[in-house]
Amino acid sequence: MSVAVTSSRECDHGWVSSPLNSCYLFVTTTLSTWQTSECLCADMGGHLVALETEEEIIWIKAISVTTRH
């Protein structure tokens, strides 16, 4: 699974808004490299997520369980 992230106050359809003022898109793929996944995310207007804070890690774990991907 790849997770794209973009900074935005309003998320496009299919993206999930976070309390961290970012939008996340969960994408199920069979991609095998970081570079290929990053390119896919960039094509959708974001970047491959890099979890930087404990708050973000907790949020992404919680939302990934409830989000269909």
Protein backbone atom coordinates (compact mmCIF):
# COMPACT_ATOMS: atom_id res chain seq x y z
CA MET A 1 0.00 0.00 0.00
CA SER A 2 1.19 3.50 -0.82
CA VAL A 3 0.00 6.55 1.04
CA ALA A 4 0.13 9.91 -0.72
CA VAL A 5 0.06 13.09 1.32
CA THR A 6 -0.44 16.72 0.39
CA SER A 7 -0.79 19.86 2.50
CA SER A 8 -4.24 21.31 2.06
CA ARG A 9 -7.18 22.56 4.06
CA GLU A 10 -9.66 21.03 1.57
CA CYS A 11 -9.15 17.50 0.28
CA ASP A 12 -10.05 16.25 -3.19
CA HIS A 13 -12.58 13.44 -3.56
CA GLY A 14 -11.17 10.16 -2.26
CA TRP A 15 -8.52 11.81 -0.08
CA VAL A 16 -8.87 11.71 3.73
CA SER A 17 -8.53 14.94 5.71
CA SER A 18 -6.37 14.80 8.82
CA PRO A 19 -6.38 17.02 11.89
CA LEU A 20 -2.80 17.90 10.86
CA ASN A 21 -4.00 20.05 7.90
CA SER A 22 -2.97 17.42 5.36
CA CYS A 23 -4.81 15.14 2.97
CA TYR A 24 -3.98 11.45 2.64
CA LEU A 25 -4.79 9.01 -0.16
CA PHE A 26 -4.45 5.29 0.48
CA VAL A 27 -3.53 3.39 -2.70
CA THR A 28 -3.26 -0.37 -2.98
CA THR A 29 -0.55 -1.24 -5.47
CA THR A 30 1.96 -3.92 -6.21
CA LEU A 31 4.72 -1.36 -6.69
CA SER A 32 8.05 -2.51 -5.36
CA THR A 33 10.28 0.53 -5.04
CA TRP A 34 10.14 3.78 -3.10
CA GLN A 35 10.90 5.75 -6.28
CA THR A 36 8.03 4.16 -8.24
CA SER A 37 5.62 4.78 -5.35
CA GLU A 38 6.79 8.40 -5.03
CA CYS A 39 6.20 8.93 -8.77
CA LEU A 40 2.67 7.51 -8.46
CA CYS A 41 1.96 9.85 -5.54
CA ALA A 42 3.42 12.84 -7.42
CA ASP A 43 1.20 12.05 -10.41
CA MET A 44 -1.78 12.40 -8.04
CA GLY A 45 -0.56 15.74 -6.66
CA GLY A 46 1.10 14.54 -3.48
CA HIS A 47 4.17 12.81 -2.12
CA LEU A 48 4.79 9.44 -0.55
CA VAL A 49 4.09 9.92 3.13
CA ALA A 50 7.00 10.26 5.56
CA LEU A 51 5.72 9.88 9.09
CA GLU A 52 7.53 12.51 11.13
CA THR A 53 5.69 12.82 14.44
CA GLU A 54 4.17 10.42 16.94
CA GLU A 55 0.84 12.19 16.45
CA GLU A 56 0.97 11.48 12.70
CA ILE A 57 1.92 7.82 13.30
CA ILE A 58 -1.00 7.32 15.71
CA TRP A 59 -3.44 9.02 13.32
CA ILE A 60 -2.30 7.07 10.25
CA LYS A 61 -2.56 3.76 12.12
CA ALA A 62 -6.09 4.57 13.26
CA ILE A 63 -7.35 5.80 9.89
CA SER A 64 -5.71 3.03 7.85
CA VAL A 65 -7.78 0.46 9.75
CA THR A 66 -11.05 2.19 8.82
CA THR A 67 -10.17 3.35 5.29
CA ARG A 68 -10.82 1.00 2.40
CA HIS A 69 -7.76 0.64 0.16
